[in-house]
Amino acid sequence: MNSETQPESIQKTLNHAQRERLLFIEFRLYFLGDIRRQDLMQRFGIAPAVATRDFAQYRELFPNNISFDNKSKTYVIGPAFSPAFQHSAERVLTALSRGFGDGIGGSGEPLLTCELPKILNHPSISILAPITRAIHLQKIVSIDYTSHSSGFSTREIAPFALVNDGLRWHVRTYDRKRSKFLDLVITRIPRSQLIEDGQVLPHELPSADIQWNRIVELDLVPHPNQEHPEIIENDYGMTAGVMHLKLRAAVAGYVLRQWIVDCSADHKLGGKEYRLWLKNHLAIYGVSSADLAPGYQAPSN
């Protein structure tokens, strides 16, 4: 390969299928150190001849990245390896811990030993599907729902987004029963049915959801109770001791609770689990989800 040829220009000559297979070869080399022809064949369901051509093409394009170990009959990472593709840390960690693939037809087998926290409960697929179709098609869904405050009820909703708070999946929606936008926990929905002729009205559109469209800017800093704030700064990738977050007001409280951020005005929550303090606590004034933020109290008038 011409030393002046950039990987980006080479990638443009590849079709989508080729690019995905070469990306997989590089992924295995980069993060696992080796790859066999069978790995490529099993991942993409291709014939041996196609796999052989893919390895030959990767070696031709990026010769410094790959070597062949005659003893083990395995391709291994080259001594002067330099990644030719971009690898998102989030996607890499997901692949290593849950399996490489799109999550639908893949095996779901982890590539490395990983210990992950258990999700509280997974939504029923049969309940979820009508809701996601409604989001995509901008339709209405009839649901049964059980809440702590009002118990069991039947209602119509106009959903437009899914939200995960780290433990549970919610749907952001306009609720016709309560005549407002809110979050509903999907696992509390025992029945959902798409209303084919149901139309979302103008006041039920996402553009009318003030809390969803409001963006709050939060400044998180190491909690004063931490003896080594520099460790916290490194853990959270802070700049000059501050981590700036921009969040939708509708979900800000979920994030602050999940991250165990002390949101009190005077950082009075003293447990060692509070590694972060919301320095500008007034930023969540008027945020509907602020009641979920640990220690937050709205200023008295």
C-alpha atoms as a PDB file:
ATOM      1  CA  MET A   1       0.000   0.000   0.000  1.00  0.00           C
ATOM      2  CA  ASN A   2       1.244   3.458  -0.855  1.00  0.00           C
ATOM      3  CA  SER A   3       2.397   5.097   2.371  1.00  0.00           C
ATOM      4  CA  GLU A   4       0.651   8.304   1.327  1.00  0.00           C
ATOM      5  CA  THR A   5      -2.712   6.597   0.874  1.00  0.00           C
ATOM      6  CA  GLN A   6      -5.011   7.319   3.796  1.00  0.00           C
ATOM      7  CA  PRO A   7      -7.285   4.621   5.306  1.00  0.00           C
ATOM      8  CA  GLU A   8     -10.307   6.909   4.821  1.00  0.00           C
ATOM      9  CA  SER A   9      -9.815   7.007   1.042  1.00  0.00           C
ATOM     10  CA  ILE A  10      -9.420   3.231   0.926  1.00  0.00           C
ATOM     11  CA  GLN A  11     -12.617   2.680   2.896  1.00  0.00           C
ATOM     12  CA  LYS A  12     -14.578   4.710   0.345  1.00  0.00           C
ATOM     13  CA  THR A  13     -13.736   2.086  -2.307  1.00  0.00           C
ATOM     14  CA  LEU A  14     -15.367  -0.681  -0.247  1.00  0.00           C
ATOM     15  CA  ASN A  15     -19.042  -1.569  -0.404  1.00  0.00           C
ATOM     16  CA  HIS A  16     -20.972  -1.862   2.852  1.00  0.00           C
ATOM     17  CA  ALA A  17     -20.650  -5.653   3.157  1.00  0.00           C
ATOM     18  CA  GLN A  18     -16.904  -5.573   2.510  1.00  0.00           C
ATOM     19  CA  ARG A  19     -16.394  -2.782   4.984  1.00  0.00           C
ATOM     20  CA  GLU A  20     -18.282  -4.633   7.719  1.00  0.00           C
ATOM     21  CA  ARG A  21     -16.221  -7.790   7.224  1.00  0.00           C
ATOM     22  CA  LEU A  22     -12.891  -5.946   7.165  1.00  0.00           C
ATOM     23  CA  LEU A  23     -13.977  -3.977  10.231  1.00  0.00           C
ATOM     24  CA  PHE A  24     -14.684  -7.272  11.997  1.00  0.00           C
ATOM     25  CA  ILE A  25     -11.224  -8.585  11.073  1.00  0.00           C
ATOM     26  CA  GLU A  26      -9.645  -5.472  12.519  1.00  0.00           C
ATOM     27  CA  PHE A  27     -11.837  -5.579  15.616  1.00  0.00           C
ATOM     28  CA  ARG A  28     -10.695  -9.087  16.445  1.00  0.00           C
ATOM     29  CA  LEU A  29      -7.058  -8.233  15.808  1.00  0.00           C
ATOM     30  CA  TYR A  30      -7.173  -4.998  17.789  1.00  0.00           C
ATOM     31  CA  PHE A  31      -9.075  -6.158  20.874  1.00  0.00           C
ATOM     32  CA  LEU A  32      -8.520  -9.927  20.951  1.00  0.00           C
ATOM     33  CA  GLY A  33      -5.189 -10.249  19.158  1.00  0.00           C
ATOM     34  CA  ASP A  34      -6.145 -12.960  16.693  1.00  0.00           C
ATOM     35  CA  ILE A  35      -8.787 -14.153  14.262  1.00  0.00           C
ATOM     36  CA  ARG A  36      -9.425 -17.370  12.340  1.00  0.00           C
ATOM     37  CA  ARG A  37     -11.082 -17.777   9.005  1.00  0.00           C
ATOM     38  CA  GLN A  38     -13.894 -19.671  10.785  1.00  0.00           C
ATOM     39  CA  ASP A  39     -14.597 -16.603  12.949  1.00  0.00           C
ATOM     40  CA  LEU A  40     -15.326 -14.537   9.857  1.00  0.00           C
ATOM     41  CA  MET A  41     -17.363 -17.298   8.217  1.00  0.00           C
ATOM     42  CA  GLN A  42     -19.537 -17.852  11.302  1.00  0.00           C
ATOM     43  CA  ARG A  43     -20.106 -14.143  11.932  1.00  0.00           C
ATOM     44  CA  PHE A  44     -21.303 -13.346   8.399  1.00  0.00           C
ATOM     45  CA  GLY A  45     -22.401 -16.736   7.061  1.00  0.00           C
ATOM     46  CA  ILE A  46     -20.009 -16.553   4.113  1.00  0.00           C
ATOM     47  CA  ALA A  47     -18.255 -19.275   2.123  1.00  0.00           C
ATOM     48  CA  PRO A  48     -14.583 -20.152   2.779  1.00  0.00           C
ATOM     49  CA  ALA A  49     -13.528 -18.614  -0.539  1.00  0.00           C
ATOM     50  CA  VAL A  50     -15.119 -15.274   0.395  1.00  0.00           C
ATOM     51  CA  ALA A  51     -13.399 -15.291   3.791  1.00  0.00           C
ATOM     52  CA  THR A  52     -10.067 -16.033   2.146  1.00  0.00           C
ATOM     53  CA  ARG A  53     -10.508 -13.070  -0.210  1.00  0.00           C
ATOM     54  CA  ASP A  54     -11.406 -10.798   2.702  1.00  0.00           C
ATOM     55  CA  PHE A  55      -8.231 -11.672   4.581  1.00  0.00           C
ATOM     56  CA  ALA A  56      -6.184 -11.199   1.420  1.00  0.00           C
ATOM     57  CA  GLN A  57      -7.796  -7.813   0.864  1.00  0.00           C
ATOM     58  CA  TYR A  58      -7.174  -6.658   4.446  1.00  0.00           C
ATOM     59  CA  ARG A  59      -3.531  -7.793   4.216  1.00  0.00           C
ATOM     60  CA  GLU A  60      -3.124  -5.949   0.922  1.00  0.00           C
ATOM     61  CA  LEU A  61      -4.685  -2.737   2.205  1.00  0.00           C
ATOM     62  CA  PHE A  62      -3.173  -2.733   5.703  1.00  0.00           C
ATOM     63  CA  PRO A  63      -0.095  -5.015   5.635  1.00  0.00           C
ATOM     64  CA  ASN A  64       1.361  -3.726   8.915  1.00  0.00           C
ATOM     65  CA  ASN A  65      -1.784  -4.657  10.843  1.00  0.00           C
ATOM     66  CA  ILE A  66      -1.909  -8.407  10.316  1.00  0.00           C
ATOM     67  CA  SER A  67       0.392 -11.411  10.316  1.00  0.00           C
ATOM     68  CA  PHE A  68      -0.175 -15.135   9.877  1.00  0.00           C
ATOM     69  CA  ASP A  69       1.018 -17.563  12.543  1.00  0.00           C
ATOM     70  CA  ASN A  70       1.910 -20.754  10.688  1.00  0.00           C
ATOM     71  CA  LYS A  71       2.092 -22.743  13.916  1.00  0.00           C
ATOM     72  CA  SER A  72      -1.463 -22.012  15.061  1.00  0.00           C
ATOM     73  CA  LYS A  73      -2.809 -21.338  11.542  1.00  0.00           C
ATOM     74  CA  THR A  74      -4.291 -18.129  12.906  1.00  0.00           C
ATOM     75  CA  TYR A  75      -4.096 -14.511  11.814  1.00  0.00           C
ATOM     76  CA  VAL A  76      -2.580 -12.352  14.564  1.00  0.00           C
ATOM     77  CA  ILE A  77      -2.098  -8.649  15.171  1.00  0.00           C
ATOM     78  CA  GLY A  78       0.839  -7.166  13.300  1.00  0.00           C
ATOM     79  CA  PRO A  79       3.846  -5.748  15.158  1.00  0.00           C
ATOM     80  CA  ALA A  80       3.230  -2.256  13.727  1.00  0.00           C
ATOM     81  CA  PHE A  81      -0.560  -2.299  14.043  1.00  0.00           C
ATOM     82  CA  SER A  82      -2.397   0.995  13.575  1.00  0.00           C
ATOM     83  CA  PRO A  83      -6.209   0.912  13.365  1.00  0.00           C
ATOM     84  CA  ALA A  84      -7.584   1.791   9.938  1.00  0.00           C
ATOM     85  CA  PHE A  85     -11.202   2.032  11.138  1.00  0.00           C
ATOM     86  CA  GLN A  86     -12.764   4.105  13.898  1.00  0.00           C
ATOM     87  CA  HIS A  87     -13.803   2.055  16.928  1.00  0.00           C
ATOM     88  CA  SER A  88     -16.323   3.602  19.309  1.00  0.00           C
ATOM     89  CA  ALA A  89     -15.509   2.707  22.929  1.00  0.00           C
ATOM     90  CA  GLU A  90     -19.196   2.160  23.671  1.00  0.00           C
ATOM     91  CA  ARG A  91     -19.673  -0.243  20.745  1.00  0.00           C
ATOM     92  CA  VAL A  92     -16.438  -2.058  21.535  1.00  0.00           C
ATOM     93  CA  LEU A  93     -17.396  -2.644  25.150  1.00  0.00           C
ATOM     94  CA  THR A  94     -20.884  -3.761  24.107  1.00  0.00           C
ATOM     95  CA  ALA A  95     -19.416  -6.231  21.626  1.00  0.00           C
ATOM     96  CA  LEU A  96     -16.912  -7.606  24.137  1.00  0.00           C
ATOM     97  CA  SER A  97     -19.505  -8.001  26.885  1.00  0.00           C
ATOM     98  CA  ARG A  98     -22.590  -9.009  24.892  1.00  0.00           C
ATOM     99  CA  GLY A  99     -21.334 -10.310  21.553  1.00  0.00           C
ATOM    100  CA  PHE A 100     -20.453  -8.776  18.221  1.00  0.00           C
ATOM    101  CA  GLY A 101     -23.401  -8.051  15.971  1.00  0.00           C
ATOM    102  CA  ASP A 102     -26.579  -6.077  15.659  1.00  0.00           C
ATOM    103  CA  GLY A 103     -28.194  -7.638  18.700  1.00  0.00           C
ATOM    104  CA  ILE A 104     -31.019  -9.162  16.654  1.00  0.00           C
ATOM    105  CA  GLY A 105     -29.607 -12.090  14.732  1.00  0.00           C
ATOM    106  CA  GLY A 106     -26.285 -12.402  16.549  1.00  0.00           C
ATOM    107  CA  SER A 107     -25.375 -15.109  18.996  1.00  0.00           C
ATOM    108  CA  GLY A 108     -25.187 -12.728  21.938  1.00  0.00           C
ATOM    109  CA  GLU A 109     -22.198 -14.620  23.334  1.00  0.00           C
ATOM    110  CA  PRO A 110     -19.670 -12.365  25.094  1.00  0.00           C
ATOM    111  CA  LEU A 111     -16.181 -12.292  23.604  1.00  0.00           C
ATOM    112  CA  LEU A 112     -14.521 -11.826  26.993  1.00  0.00           C
ATOM    113  CA  THR A 113     -15.488 -12.639  30.555  1.00  0.00           C
ATOM    114  CA  CYS A 114     -17.509  -9.643  31.715  1.00  0.00           C
ATOM    115  CA  GLU A 115     -19.677  -9.140  34.754  1.00  0.00           C
ATOM    116  CA  LEU A 116     -22.616  -6.794  34.163  1.00  0.00           C
ATOM    117  CA  PRO A 117     -25.291  -5.503  36.541  1.00  0.00           C
ATOM    118  CA  LYS A 118     -28.670  -7.101  36.047  1.00  0.00           C
ATOM    119  CA  ILE A 119     -31.391  -5.017  34.446  1.00  0.00           C
ATOM    120  CA  LEU A 120     -34.273  -4.778  36.893  1.00  0.00           C
ATOM    121  CA  ASN A 121     -36.727  -6.216  34.387  1.00  0.00           C
ATOM    122  CA  HIS A 122     -36.929  -6.429  30.609  1.00  0.00           C
ATOM    123  CA  PRO A 123     -40.070  -5.151  28.866  1.00  0.00           C
ATOM    124  CA  SER A 124     -42.254  -7.746  27.189  1.00  0.00           C
ATOM    125  CA  ILE A 125     -41.564  -7.724  23.462  1.00  0.00           C
ATOM    126  CA  SER A 126     -45.266  -8.078  22.646  1.00  0.00           C
ATOM    127  CA  ILE A 127     -45.973  -4.989  24.776  1.00  0.00           C
ATOM    128  CA  LEU A 128     -43.020  -3.036  23.428  1.00  0.00           C
ATOM    129  CA  ALA A 129     -43.663  -3.632  19.702  1.00  0.00           C
ATOM    130  CA  PRO A 130     -46.958  -1.672  19.412  1.00  0.00           C
ATOM    131  CA  ILE A 131     -45.359   1.214  21.312  1.00  0.00           C
ATOM    132  CA  THR A 132     -42.298   1.395  19.057  1.00  0.00           C
ATOM    133  CA  ARG A 133     -44.495   1.150  15.954  1.00  0.00           C
ATOM    134  CA  ALA A 134     -46.556   4.037  17.278  1.00  0.00           C
ATOM    135  CA  ILE A 135     -43.414   6.111  17.840  1.00  0.00           C
ATOM    136  CA  HIS A 136     -42.216   5.459  14.301  1.00  0.00           C
ATOM    137  CA  LEU A 137     -45.601   5.952  12.634  1.00  0.00           C
ATOM    138  CA  GLN A 138     -46.826   8.760  14.942  1.00  0.00           C
ATOM    139  CA  LYS A 139     -49.878   6.822  16.096  1.00  0.00           C
ATOM    140  CA  ILE A 140     -51.880   6.413  19.291  1.00  0.00           C
ATOM    141  CA  VAL A 141     -51.641   3.392  21.600  1.00  0.00           C
ATOM    142  CA  SER A 142     -54.293   2.080  23.951  1.00  0.00           C
ATOM    143  CA  ILE A 143     -52.703   0.679  27.110  1.00  0.00           C
ATOM    144  CA  ASP A 144     -53.504  -0.672  30.518  1.00  0.00           C
ATOM    145  CA  TYR A 145     -51.241   0.769  33.192  1.00  0.00           C
ATOM    146  CA  THR A 146     -50.638   0.317  36.901  1.00  0.00           C
ATOM    147  CA  SER A 147     -49.166   3.198  38.902  1.00  0.00           C
ATOM    148  CA  HIS A 148     -48.413   3.753  42.578  1.00  0.00           C
ATOM    149  CA  SER A 149     -50.672   6.794  42.746  1.00  0.00           C
ATOM    150  CA  SER A 150     -53.770   5.813  40.768  1.00  0.00           C
ATOM    151  CA  GLY A 151     -53.622   2.022  40.569  1.00  0.00           C
ATOM    152  CA  PHE A 152     -54.919   0.246  37.453  1.00  0.00           C
ATOM    153  CA  SER A 153     -56.336   2.230  34.559  1.00  0.00           C
ATOM    154  CA  THR A 154     -56.867   2.143  30.806  1.00  0.00           C
ATOM    155  CA  ARG A 155     -55.653   5.116  28.808  1.00  0.00           C
ATOM    156  CA  GLU A 156     -54.592   6.327  25.382  1.00  0.00           C
ATOM    157  CA  ILE A 157     -51.079   7.652  24.865  1.00  0.00           C
ATOM    158  CA  ALA A 158     -49.122   9.354  22.072  1.00  0.00           C
ATOM    159  CA  PRO A 159     -45.570   8.010  22.572  1.00  0.00           C
ATOM    160  CA  PHE A 160     -42.553   9.564  20.866  1.00  0.00           C
ATOM    161  CA  ALA A 161     -39.361   8.348  22.611  1.00  0.00           C
ATOM    162  CA  LEU A 162     -37.874   5.584  24.723  1.00  0.00           C
ATOM    163  CA  VAL A 163     -35.889   6.513  27.838  1.00  0.00           C
ATOM    164  CA  ASN A 164     -33.620   4.295  29.944  1.00  0.00           C
ATOM    165  CA  ASP A 165     -32.743   5.418  33.464  1.00  0.00           C
ATOM    166  CA  GLY A 166     -30.082   2.750  33.933  1.00  0.00           C
ATOM    167  CA  LEU A 167     -32.483   0.299  35.583  1.00  0.00           C
ATOM    168  CA  ARG A 168     -35.767   0.471  33.684  1.00  0.00           C
ATOM    169  CA  TRP A 169     -37.146   1.416  30.286  1.00  0.00           C
ATOM    170  CA  HIS A 170     -39.675   4.234  30.095  1.00  0.00           C
ATOM    171  CA  VAL A 171     -41.692   5.653  27.242  1.00  0.00           C
ATOM    172  CA  ARG A 172     -41.944   9.430  26.911  1.00  0.00           C
ATOM    173  CA  THR A 173     -45.472  10.188  25.875  1.00  0.00           C
ATOM    174  CA  TYR A 174     -48.481  12.444  25.980  1.00  0.00           C
ATOM    175  CA  ASP A 175     -51.033  10.833  28.304  1.00  0.00           C
ATOM    176  CA  ARG A 176     -54.610  11.656  27.306  1.00  0.00           C
ATOM    177  CA  LYS A 177     -55.928  10.480  30.665  1.00  0.00           C
ATOM    178  CA  ARG A 178     -53.865  13.015  32.607  1.00  0.00           C
ATOM    179  CA  SER A 179     -53.659  15.566  29.768  1.00  0.00           C
ATOM    180  CA  LYS A 180     -49.906  16.026  30.017  1.00  0.00           C
ATOM    181  CA  PHE A 181     -46.518  14.710  28.961  1.00  0.00           C
ATOM    182  CA  LEU A 182     -44.891  12.194  31.278  1.00  0.00           C
ATOM    183  CA  ASP A 183     -42.788   9.028  31.508  1.00  0.00           C
ATOM    184  CA  LEU A 184     -44.408   5.617  31.851  1.00  0.00           C
ATOM    185  CA  VAL A 185     -42.522   2.513  32.989  1.00  0.00           C
ATOM    186  CA  ILE A 186     -42.965  -0.039  30.203  1.00  0.00           C
ATOM    187  CA  THR A 187     -42.937  -3.052  32.554  1.00  0.00           C
ATOM    188  CA  ARG A 188     -46.072  -1.621  34.225  1.00  0.00           C
ATOM    189  CA  ILE A 189     -47.979  -1.926  30.948  1.00  0.00           C
ATOM    190  CA  PRO A 190     -49.684  -5.356  30.765  1.00  0.00           C
ATOM    191  CA  ARG A 191     -51.503  -4.536  27.507  1.00  0.00           C
ATOM    192  CA  SER A 192     -50.733  -2.306  24.533  1.00  0.00           C
ATOM    193  CA  GLN A 193     -52.607  -2.012  21.256  1.00  0.00           C
ATOM    194  CA  LEU A 194     -51.853   0.270  18.331  1.00  0.00           C
ATOM    195  CA  ILE A 195     -54.870   2.306  17.227  1.00  0.00           C
ATOM    196  CA  GLU A 196     -54.428   2.247  13.455  1.00  0.00           C
ATOM    197  CA  ASP A 197     -56.679   5.232  12.770  1.00  0.00           C
ATOM    198  CA  GLY A 198     -55.555   7.162  15.840  1.00  0.00           C
ATOM    199  CA  GLN A 199     -54.025  10.526  15.016  1.00  0.00           C
ATOM    200  CA  VAL A 200     -51.614  12.497  17.178  1.00  0.00           C
ATOM    201  CA  LEU A 201     -53.010  15.970  17.765  1.00  0.00           C
ATOM    202  CA  PRO A 202     -50.829  19.117  17.576  1.00  0.00           C
ATOM    203  CA  HIS A 203     -50.714  19.597  21.346  1.00  0.00           C
ATOM    204  CA  GLU A 204     -49.563  15.973  21.732  1.00  0.00           C
ATOM    205  CA  LEU A 205     -46.517  16.288  19.456  1.00  0.00           C
ATOM    206  CA  PRO A 206     -42.967  16.223  20.886  1.00  0.00           C
ATOM    207  CA  SER A 207     -42.565  19.868  19.912  1.00  0.00           C
ATOM    208  CA  ALA A 208     -45.190  20.739  22.528  1.00  0.00           C
ATOM    209  CA  ASP A 209     -43.356  18.939  25.348  1.00  0.00           C
ATOM    210  CA  ILE A 210     -41.613  21.786  27.176  1.00  0.00           C
ATOM    211  CA  GLN A 211     -39.660  19.536  29.541  1.00  0.00           C
ATOM    212  CA  TRP A 212     -38.432  17.368  26.672  1.00  0.00           C
ATOM    213  CA  ASN A 213     -37.273  20.328  24.622  1.00  0.00           C
ATOM    214  CA  ARG A 214     -35.734  22.258  27.493  1.00  0.00           C
ATOM    215  CA  ILE A 215     -31.987  21.625  27.722  1.00  0.00           C
ATOM    216  CA  VAL A 216     -30.343  22.097  31.105  1.00  0.00           C
ATOM    217  CA  GLU A 217     -26.609  22.629  31.462  1.00  0.00           C
ATOM    218  CA  LEU A 218     -25.160  21.014  34.573  1.00  0.00           C
ATOM    219  CA  ASP A 219     -21.731  21.478  36.168  1.00  0.00           C
ATOM    220  CA  LEU A 220     -20.612  18.389  38.053  1.00  0.00           C
ATOM    221  CA  VAL A 221     -17.529  18.581  40.274  1.00  0.00           C
ATOM    222  CA  PRO A 222     -15.832  16.189  42.701  1.00  0.00           C
ATOM    223  CA  HIS A 223     -17.772  16.052  45.953  1.00  0.00           C
ATOM    224  CA  PRO A 224     -15.997  17.924  48.770  1.00  0.00           C
ATOM    225  CA  ASN A 225     -16.115  14.739  50.876  1.00  0.00           C
ATOM    226  CA  GLN A 226     -13.714  12.991  48.482  1.00  0.00           C
ATOM    227  CA  GLU A 227     -10.122  12.882  49.697  1.00  0.00           C
ATOM    228  CA  HIS A 228      -8.639  12.570  46.219  1.00  0.00           C
ATOM    229  CA  PRO A 229     -10.645  14.770  43.835  1.00  0.00           C
ATOM    230  CA  GLU A 230      -8.080  14.249  41.092  1.00  0.00           C
ATOM    231  CA  ILE A 231      -9.171  10.613  40.859  1.00  0.00           C
ATOM    232  CA  ILE A 232     -12.786  11.685  40.376  1.00  0.00           C
ATOM    233  CA  GLU A 233     -11.709  14.208  37.744  1.00  0.00           C
ATOM    234  CA  ASN A 234      -9.933  11.449  35.839  1.00  0.00           C
ATOM    235  CA  ASP A 235     -12.785   8.943  36.209  1.00  0.00           C
ATOM    236  CA  TYR A 236     -15.296  11.345  34.699  1.00  0.00           C
ATOM    237  CA  GLY A 237     -13.006  13.003  32.162  1.00  0.00           C
ATOM    238  CA  MET A 238     -13.344  16.434  33.747  1.00  0.00           C
ATOM    239  CA  THR A 239     -11.712  19.552  32.352  1.00  0.00           C
ATOM    240  CA  ALA A 240     -10.329  22.006  34.914  1.00  0.00           C
ATOM    241  CA  GLY A 241     -12.165  20.051  37.602  1.00  0.00           C
ATOM    242  CA  VAL A 242     -15.609  20.333  36.020  1.00  0.00           C
ATOM    243  CA  MET A 243     -17.758  18.023  33.917  1.00  0.00           C
ATOM    244  CA  HIS A 244     -20.293  19.900  31.800  1.00  0.00           C
ATOM    245  CA  LEU A 245     -23.460  18.003  30.920  1.00  0.00           C
ATOM    246  CA  LYS A 246     -26.290  19.023  28.628  1.00  0.00           C
ATOM    247  CA  LEU A 247     -29.451  17.029  29.286  1.00  0.00           C
ATOM    248  CA  ARG A 248     -33.125  17.181  28.484  1.00  0.00           C
ATOM    249  CA  ALA A 249     -35.006  18.440  31.527  1.00  0.00           C
ATOM    250  CA  ALA A 250     -37.319  15.438  31.267  1.00  0.00           C
ATOM    251  CA  VAL A 251     -34.462  13.012  31.957  1.00  0.00           C
ATOM    252  CA  ALA A 252     -32.035  15.102  34.051  1.00  0.00           C
ATOM    253  CA  GLY A 253     -33.373  13.765  37.355  1.00  0.00           C
ATOM    254  CA  TYR A 254     -32.923  10.166  36.221  1.00  0.00           C
ATOM    255  CA  VAL A 255     -29.281  10.798  35.324  1.00  0.00           C
ATOM    256  CA  LEU A 256     -28.514  12.620  38.575  1.00  0.00           C
ATOM    257  CA  ARG A 257     -30.081   9.809  40.595  1.00  0.00           C
ATOM    258  CA  GLN A 258     -28.333   7.083  38.622  1.00  0.00           C
ATOM    259  CA  TRP A 259     -24.962   8.815  38.993  1.00  0.00           C
ATOM    260  CA  ILE A 260     -25.632   9.432  42.725  1.00  0.00           C
ATOM    261  CA  VAL A 261     -24.975  13.164  42.446  1.00  0.00           C
ATOM    262  CA  ASP A 262     -25.422  15.291  45.551  1.00  0.00           C
ATOM    263  CA  CYS A 263     -27.752  18.051  44.354  1.00  0.00           C
ATOM    264  CA  SER A 264     -28.091  19.885  47.654  1.00  0.00           C
ATOM    265  CA  ALA A 265     -27.112  23.548  47.723  1.00  0.00           C
ATOM    266  CA  ASP A 266     -24.425  23.017  50.392  1.00  0.00           C
ATOM    267  CA  HIS A 267     -23.294  19.467  49.446  1.00  0.00           C
ATOM    268  CA  LYS A 268     -24.724  18.181  52.720  1.00  0.00           C
ATOM    269  CA  LEU A 269     -25.123  14.542  51.659  1.00  0.00           C
ATOM    270  CA  GLY A 270     -22.073  13.050  53.329  1.00  0.00           C
ATOM    271  CA  GLY A 271     -21.995   9.402  52.287  1.00  0.00           C
ATOM    272  CA  LYS A 272     -18.893   8.223  50.434  1.00  0.00           C
ATOM    273  CA  GLU A 273     -21.147   6.999  47.620  1.00  0.00           C
ATOM    274  CA  TYR A 274     -21.590  10.656  46.631  1.00  0.00           C
ATOM    275  CA  ARG A 275     -18.573  11.173  44.413  1.00  0.00           C
ATOM    276  CA  LEU A 276     -20.093  14.142  42.553  1.00  0.00           C
ATOM    277  CA  TRP A 277     -21.755  17.403  43.512  1.00  0.00           C
ATOM    278  CA  LEU A 278     -24.012  19.488  41.288  1.00  0.00           C
ATOM    279  CA  LYS A 279     -22.273  22.829  41.649  1.00  0.00           C
ATOM    280  CA  ASN A 280     -24.983  24.858  39.895  1.00  0.00           C
ATOM    281  CA  HIS A 281     -27.986  23.255  41.596  1.00  0.00           C
ATOM    282  CA  LEU A 282     -30.277  26.092  40.493  1.00  0.00           C
ATOM    283  CA  ALA A 283     -29.938  24.796  36.922  1.00  0.00           C
ATOM    284  CA  ILE A 284     -32.611  22.189  37.677  1.00  0.00           C
ATOM    285  CA  TYR A 285     -35.096  24.675  39.096  1.00  0.00           C
ATOM    286  CA  GLY A 286     -38.421  24.019  37.393  1.00  0.00           C
ATOM    287  CA  VAL A 287     -37.258  20.646  36.023  1.00  0.00           C
ATOM    288  CA  SER A 288     -40.075  18.114  36.306  1.00  0.00           C
ATOM    289  CA  SER A 289     -37.711  15.263  37.170  1.00  0.00           C
ATOM    290  CA  ALA A 290     -35.816  17.268  39.825  1.00  0.00           C
ATOM    291  CA  ASP A 291     -37.629  15.418  42.604  1.00  0.00           C
ATOM    292  CA  LEU A 292     -35.492  12.390  41.657  1.00  0.00           C
ATOM    293  CA  ALA A 293     -32.227  14.318  42.169  1.00  0.00           C
ATOM    294  CA  PRO A 294     -30.625  13.352  45.509  1.00  0.00           C
ATOM    295  CA  GLY A 295     -30.770  16.158  48.071  1.00  0.00           C
ATOM    296  CA  TYR A 296     -32.342  18.737  45.775  1.00  0.00           C
ATOM    297  CA  GLN A 297     -34.718  21.272  47.296  1.00  0.00           C
ATOM    298  CA  ALA A 298     -36.324  24.006  45.256  1.00  0.00           C
ATOM    299  CA  PRO A 299     -35.516  27.463  46.635  1.00  0.00           C
ATOM    300  CA  SER A 300     -38.302  28.970  48.705  1.00  0.00           C
ATOM    301  CA  ASN A 301     -40.017  32.036  47.305  1.00  0.00           C
END
